[in-house]
N, C-alpha and C. Protein backbone atom coordinates (compact mmCIF):
# COMPACT_ATOMS: atom_id res chain seq x y z
N MET A 1 0.69 -1.40 -0.15
CA MET A 1 0.23 0.05 0.01
C MET A 1 0.87 1.29 0.08
N PHE A 2 0.90 2.02 -1.06
CA PHE A 2 1.18 3.63 -1.22
C PHE A 2 0.75 4.36 -0.06
N LYS A 3 1.51 5.38 0.41
CA LYS A 3 0.82 6.79 1.11
C LYS A 3 1.63 7.84 0.27
N PHE A 4 0.76 8.35 -0.03
CA PHE A 4 1.18 9.70 -0.68
C PHE A 4 1.28 10.87 0.45
N LYS A 5 2.41 11.56 0.20
CA LYS A 5 2.58 12.58 1.48
C LYS A 5 2.00 14.02 0.94
N ARG A 6 1.67 14.82 1.33
CA ARG A 6 0.95 15.87 0.71
C ARG A 6 1.88 16.74 1.19
N ARG A 7 2.36 17.88 0.29
CA ARG A 7 3.20 18.69 0.62
C ARG A 7 2.46 19.59 1.64
N GLN A 8 3.26 20.44 2.62
CA GLN A 8 2.69 21.11 3.77
C GLN A 8 3.05 22.61 3.37
N VAL A 9 2.15 23.15 3.49
CA VAL A 9 1.89 24.35 3.34
C VAL A 9 1.52 25.55 4.52
N GLU A 10 2.23 26.90 4.47
CA GLU A 10 1.82 27.60 5.81
C GLU A 10 0.92 28.42 5.26
N VAL A 11 0.03 28.68 5.68
CA VAL A 11 -1.26 29.76 5.49
C VAL A 11 -0.57 31.16 6.10
N ILE A 12 -0.66 32.09 5.13
CA ILE A 12 0.06 33.35 5.60
C ILE A 12 -1.39 34.19 5.88
N SER A 13 -2.08 34.12 4.68
CA SER A 13 -3.28 34.68 4.85
C SER A 13 -4.92 34.27 4.28
N LEU A 14 -5.74 34.60 4.96
CA LEU A 14 -7.16 33.60 4.47
C LEU A 14 -8.23 34.91 4.70
N GLN A 15 -8.55 35.51 3.76
CA GLN A 15 -9.98 36.40 3.98
C GLN A 15 -10.56 36.07 2.83
N ILE A 16 -11.92 36.68 3.27
CA ILE A 16 -13.05 36.59 2.45
C ILE A 16 -13.46 38.10 1.90
N PHE A 17 -13.81 38.83 0.68
CA PHE A 17 -13.89 39.95 0.45
C PHE A 17 -15.63 40.10 0.82
N GLU A 18 -16.37 40.46 1.79
CA GLU A 18 -17.73 40.47 1.66
C GLU A 18 -18.64 41.29 0.85
N ARG A 19 -17.84 42.00 0.30
CA ARG A 19 -18.38 42.98 -0.55
C ARG A 19 -18.56 42.13 -2.50
N LYS A 20 -17.84 41.22 -2.57
CA LYS A 20 -17.88 40.43 -3.65
C LYS A 20 -18.38 39.28 -3.41
N CYS A 21 -18.49 38.56 -2.36
CA CYS A 21 -19.29 37.52 -1.77
C CYS A 21 -20.79 37.28 -2.03
N ILE A 22 -21.23 36.24 -2.73
CA ILE A 22 -22.95 36.21 -2.97
C ILE A 22 -23.34 35.54 -2.07
N GLY A 23 -22.93 34.76 -1.24
CA GLY A 23 -23.54 34.07 -0.23
C GLY A 23 -23.99 32.72 -0.91
N CYS A 24 -23.21 32.32 -1.83
CA CYS A 24 -23.85 30.53 -2.55
C CYS A 24 -23.36 29.68 -1.40
N GLU A 25 -22.54 29.84 -0.55
CA GLU A 25 -22.10 28.47 0.43
C GLU A 25 -21.37 27.50 -0.28
N ARG A 26 -20.75 27.65 -1.84
CA ARG A 26 -20.01 26.68 -2.17
C ARG A 26 -18.69 26.62 -1.73
N CYS A 27 -18.22 27.47 -1.00
CA CYS A 27 -16.59 27.46 -0.37
C CYS A 27 -16.95 26.66 0.85
N VAL A 28 -17.92 27.30 1.84
CA VAL A 28 -18.36 26.56 3.00
C VAL A 28 -18.75 25.16 2.63
N ASP A 29 -19.48 24.80 1.94
CA ASP A 29 -19.33 23.27 1.39
C ASP A 29 -18.05 22.49 0.85
N ARG A 30 -17.65 22.99 0.28
CA ARG A 30 -16.20 22.64 -0.12
C ARG A 30 -15.10 22.01 1.19
N CYS A 31 -14.96 22.97 2.02
CA CYS A 31 -13.86 23.15 3.06
C CYS A 31 -13.95 21.99 3.72
N HIS A 32 -13.31 20.81 3.50
CA HIS A 32 -13.33 19.45 4.72
C HIS A 32 -12.86 19.92 6.01
N HIS A 33 -12.21 21.04 6.68
CA HIS A 33 -11.77 21.10 7.61
C HIS A 33 -12.53 22.25 8.36
N LYS A 34 -13.81 22.79 7.68
CA LYS A 34 -14.95 23.63 8.51
C LYS A 34 -14.05 25.02 9.02
N VAL A 35 -13.47 25.18 7.97
CA VAL A 35 -13.13 26.45 8.40
C VAL A 35 -13.87 27.94 7.89
N LEU A 36 -14.68 27.60 7.40
CA LEU A 36 -15.60 28.98 6.91
C LEU A 36 -16.88 28.38 7.75
N GLY A 37 -17.59 29.56 7.58
CA GLY A 37 -18.94 29.67 7.94
C GLY A 37 -19.79 30.87 7.03
N MET A 38 -21.02 31.06 7.48
CA MET A 38 -21.74 32.10 6.79
C MET A 38 -22.54 33.19 7.62
N VAL A 39 -22.71 34.10 7.28
CA VAL A 39 -23.05 35.47 8.25
C VAL A 39 -24.64 35.67 7.36
N TYR A 40 -25.82 35.52 8.11
CA TYR A 40 -26.80 36.12 7.49
C TYR A 40 -27.40 37.56 8.12
N LYS A 41 -27.34 38.45 7.52
CA LYS A 41 -27.54 39.54 8.12
C LYS A 41 -28.30 40.68 7.30
N ASP A 42 -29.08 41.30 7.50
CA ASP A 42 -29.81 42.42 7.12
C ASP A 42 -30.31 42.01 5.62
N ASN A 43 -30.68 40.62 5.17
CA ASN A 43 -31.38 40.27 3.92
C ASN A 43 -30.28 40.16 2.89
N ARG A 44 -29.10 39.93 3.69
CA ARG A 44 -27.94 39.66 2.69
C ARG A 44 -27.10 38.35 3.49
N SER A 45 -26.38 37.53 2.88
CA SER A 45 -25.52 36.45 3.26
C SER A 45 -24.22 36.43 2.46
N TYR A 46 -23.07 36.27 3.78
CA TYR A 46 -21.78 36.25 2.84
C TYR A 46 -21.16 35.26 3.99
N ALA A 47 -20.00 34.60 3.11
CA ALA A 47 -19.15 33.47 4.00
C ALA A 47 -18.17 34.16 4.45
N THR A 48 -17.57 33.81 5.70
CA THR A 48 -16.65 34.67 6.73
C THR A 48 -15.41 33.49 7.15
N VAL A 49 -14.69 33.57 7.45
CA VAL A 49 -13.64 32.79 7.94
C VAL A 49 -13.78 32.89 9.83
N GLU A 50 -14.10 31.47 10.12
CA GLU A 50 -14.36 31.26 11.72
C GLU A 50 -13.12 30.57 12.39
N TYR A 51 -12.48 29.75 11.66
CA TYR A 51 -11.65 28.80 12.33
C TYR A 51 -10.21 29.06 11.51
N ARG A 52 -9.37 29.94 11.37
CA ARG A 52 -8.11 29.99 10.21
C ARG A 52 -7.34 29.10 10.77
N ASP A 53 -7.20 29.03 12.25
CA ASP A 53 -5.87 27.77 12.51
C ASP A 53 -6.26 26.63 12.11
N ARG A 54 -7.49 26.23 11.36
CA ARG A 54 -7.89 24.91 10.94
C ARG A 54 -7.48 24.71 9.44
N CYS A 55 -6.93 25.84 8.69
CA CYS A 55 -6.79 25.93 7.42
C CYS A 55 -5.54 25.32 6.94
N LYS A 56 -5.74 24.28 6.39
CA LYS A 56 -4.20 23.55 5.43
C LYS A 56 -3.89 24.18 4.56
N GLY A 57 -4.76 25.12 3.83
CA GLY A 57 -4.11 25.91 2.71
C GLY A 57 -4.23 25.57 1.14
N CYS A 58 -5.45 24.29 1.13
CA CYS A 58 -5.63 23.25 0.13
C CYS A 58 -6.18 24.29 -1.23
N GLY A 59 -6.60 25.46 -0.79
CA GLY A 59 -7.06 26.32 -1.90
C GLY A 59 -8.30 25.92 -2.76
N GLY A 60 -9.04 24.73 -2.00
CA GLY A 60 -10.30 24.39 -2.94
C GLY A 60 -11.53 25.32 -2.50
N CYS A 61 -11.29 26.11 -1.33
CA CYS A 61 -12.44 26.99 -1.30
C CYS A 61 -12.31 28.43 -2.56
N THR A 62 -11.13 28.50 -2.52
CA THR A 62 -10.75 29.65 -4.12
C THR A 62 -11.13 29.07 -5.22
N TRP A 63 -11.04 28.14 -5.49
CA TRP A 63 -11.29 27.17 -6.41
C TRP A 63 -12.89 27.41 -6.87
N GLU A 64 -13.84 27.30 -6.06
CA GLU A 64 -15.34 26.75 -5.91
C GLU A 64 -15.56 28.28 -6.08
N CYS A 65 -15.10 29.27 -5.66
CA CYS A 65 -15.78 30.84 -5.53
C CYS A 65 -15.94 31.60 -7.02
N PRO A 66 -17.41 31.34 -7.45
CA PRO A 66 -17.57 32.05 -8.66
C PRO A 66 -17.24 33.72 -8.62
N THR A 67 -17.06 34.26 -7.73
CA THR A 67 -16.89 35.80 -7.82
C THR A 67 -15.27 36.33 -7.28
N ASP A 68 -14.30 34.73 -7.02
CA ASP A 68 -12.92 35.52 -6.68
C ASP A 68 -12.96 36.26 -5.36
N ALA A 69 -14.04 36.27 -4.29
CA ALA A 69 -14.27 36.57 -3.06
C ALA A 69 -13.12 36.13 -2.03
N ILE A 70 -12.63 34.85 -2.47
CA ILE A 70 -11.57 34.62 -1.29
C ILE A 70 -10.12 34.66 -1.95
N GLU A 71 -9.10 34.79 -0.79
CA GLU A 71 -8.07 35.55 -0.95
C GLU A 71 -7.28 34.43 -0.16
N LEU A 72 -6.60 33.42 -0.52
CA LEU A 72 -5.45 32.76 0.09
C LEU A 72 -3.87 32.69 0.03
N ILE A 73 -3.24 33.38 0.81
CA ILE A 73 -1.74 33.22 0.27
C ILE A 73 -1.31 32.70 1.46
N THR A 74 -0.71 31.46 0.85
CA THR A 74 0.51 30.34 1.42
C THR A 74 1.89 30.49 0.94
N VAL A 75 2.85 29.87 1.70
CA VAL A 75 4.11 29.41 1.41
C VAL A 75 4.21 28.44 0.98
């Protein structure tokens, strides 16, 4: 049995630009580490970073976002 080692990355920054987010929840559903959550306020919804320390830097959330509202910077 082969085990593949994933490259370790350090997450420098993870942020969601509230004004660009359309609240589709695709990023929240995609994140296996439950880093992201949703805010429902004033007849609007948007994603937010809830547990940044859980982020592994895979980039799945950024690929899912249709409006490029997520910025992930890794080393």
